[in-house]
Amino acid sequence: MPILIVTHKISPALRSDYIYIIENGKITHAGSPKLLLKSGNLLSKSFEEISHWFKKNEI
């Protein structure tokens, strides 16, 4: 059964089978989390920033 989840958080998105990235009201990227994390898009940049923050703050 397909389920649509709209989120601003990365965690639920990474657990999804397929992601659509919407910027300025348009779909700019679509694919699996694994593929999108390698693509240099909004998701991968956000993930890198969060990872860097956690490493910097030793959390």
C-alpha atoms as a PDB file:
ATOM      1  CA  MET A   1       0.000   0.000   0.000  1.00  0.00           C
ATOM      2  CA  PRO A   2       1.574   3.342  -1.012  1.00  0.00           C
ATOM      3  CA  ILE A   3       1.833   5.962   1.698  1.00  0.00           C
ATOM      4  CA  LEU A   4       2.708   9.611   1.152  1.00  0.00           C
ATOM      5  CA  ILE A   5       4.780  11.305   3.863  1.00  0.00           C
ATOM      6  CA  VAL A   6       5.629  14.993   3.699  1.00  0.00           C
ATOM      7  CA  THR A   7       8.524  15.910   5.970  1.00  0.00           C
ATOM      8  CA  HIS A   8      11.226  18.467   6.604  1.00  0.00           C
ATOM      9  CA  LYS A   9      13.181  15.939   8.631  1.00  0.00           C
ATOM     10  CA  ILE A  10      15.813  13.727   7.076  1.00  0.00           C
ATOM     11  CA  SER A  11      15.269  10.655   9.272  1.00  0.00           C
ATOM     12  CA  PRO A  12      11.807   9.689   7.923  1.00  0.00           C
ATOM     13  CA  ALA A  13      12.947  10.405   4.378  1.00  0.00           C
ATOM     14  CA  LEU A  14      15.933   8.066   4.684  1.00  0.00           C
ATOM     15  CA  ARG A  15      13.636   5.231   5.787  1.00  0.00           C
ATOM     16  CA  SER A  16      11.476   5.630   2.679  1.00  0.00           C
ATOM     17  CA  ASP A  17      11.627   3.484  -0.428  1.00  0.00           C
ATOM     18  CA  TYR A  18      11.419   6.438  -2.799  1.00  0.00           C
ATOM     19  CA  ILE A  19      11.820  10.193  -2.309  1.00  0.00           C
ATOM     20  CA  TYR A  20      10.695  13.214  -4.283  1.00  0.00           C
ATOM     21  CA  ILE A  21      12.578  16.424  -3.519  1.00  0.00           C
ATOM     22  CA  ILE A  22      10.435  19.488  -4.088  1.00  0.00           C
ATOM     23  CA  GLU A  23      12.032  22.921  -4.353  1.00  0.00           C
ATOM     24  CA  ASN A  24      10.050  26.072  -5.125  1.00  0.00           C
ATOM     25  CA  GLY A  25       6.956  23.963  -5.834  1.00  0.00           C
ATOM     26  CA  LYS A  26       8.631  21.721  -8.434  1.00  0.00           C
ATOM     27  CA  ILE A  27      10.013  18.192  -8.210  1.00  0.00           C
ATOM     28  CA  THR A  28      13.754  18.628  -8.710  1.00  0.00           C
ATOM     29  CA  HIS A  29      14.987  15.124  -7.829  1.00  0.00           C
ATOM     30  CA  ALA A  30      13.468  11.696  -7.339  1.00  0.00           C
ATOM     31  CA  GLY A  31      14.864   8.311  -6.400  1.00  0.00           C
ATOM     32  CA  SER A  32      15.887   6.013  -3.603  1.00  0.00           C
ATOM     33  CA  PRO A  33      17.525   7.526  -0.509  1.00  0.00           C
ATOM     34  CA  LYS A  34      20.793   5.734  -1.361  1.00  0.00           C
ATOM     35  CA  LEU A  35      20.839   7.206  -4.870  1.00  0.00           C
ATOM     36  CA  LEU A  36      19.857  10.708  -3.759  1.00  0.00           C
ATOM     37  CA  LEU A  37      22.491  10.834  -1.011  1.00  0.00           C
ATOM     38  CA  LYS A  38      25.144  10.421  -3.726  1.00  0.00           C
ATOM     39  CA  SER A  39      23.668  13.028  -6.079  1.00  0.00           C
ATOM     40  CA  GLY A  40      24.805  16.353  -4.586  1.00  0.00           C
ATOM     41  CA  ASN A  41      21.221  17.562  -4.192  1.00  0.00           C
ATOM     42  CA  LEU A  42      19.345  19.199  -1.312  1.00  0.00           C
ATOM     43  CA  LEU A  43      19.021  15.904   0.600  1.00  0.00           C
ATOM     44  CA  SER A  44      22.713  15.030   0.374  1.00  0.00           C
ATOM     45  CA  LYS A  45      23.806  18.560   1.303  1.00  0.00           C
ATOM     46  CA  SER A  46      21.452  18.639   4.299  1.00  0.00           C
ATOM     47  CA  PHE A  47      22.659  15.216   5.430  1.00  0.00           C
ATOM     48  CA  GLU A  48      26.298  16.342   5.185  1.00  0.00           C
ATOM     49  CA  GLU A  49      25.585  19.493   7.217  1.00  0.00           C
ATOM     50  CA  ILE A  50      23.807  17.538   9.943  1.00  0.00           C
ATOM     51  CA  SER A  51      26.546  14.892  10.054  1.00  0.00           C
ATOM     52  CA  HIS A  52      29.199  17.600  10.311  1.00  0.00           C
ATOM     53  CA  TRP A  53      27.282  19.323  13.129  1.00  0.00           C
ATOM     54  CA  PHE A  54      26.997  16.080  15.124  1.00  0.00           C
ATOM     55  CA  LYS A  55      30.705  15.326  14.679  1.00  0.00           C
ATOM     56  CA  LYS A  56      31.663  18.879  15.663  1.00  0.00           C
ATOM     57  CA  ASN A  57      29.485  18.776  18.789  1.00  0.00           C
ATOM     58  CA  GLU A  58      30.403  15.175  19.645  1.00  0.00           C
ATOM     59  CA  ILE A  59      26.791  14.061  20.015  1.00  0.00           C
END
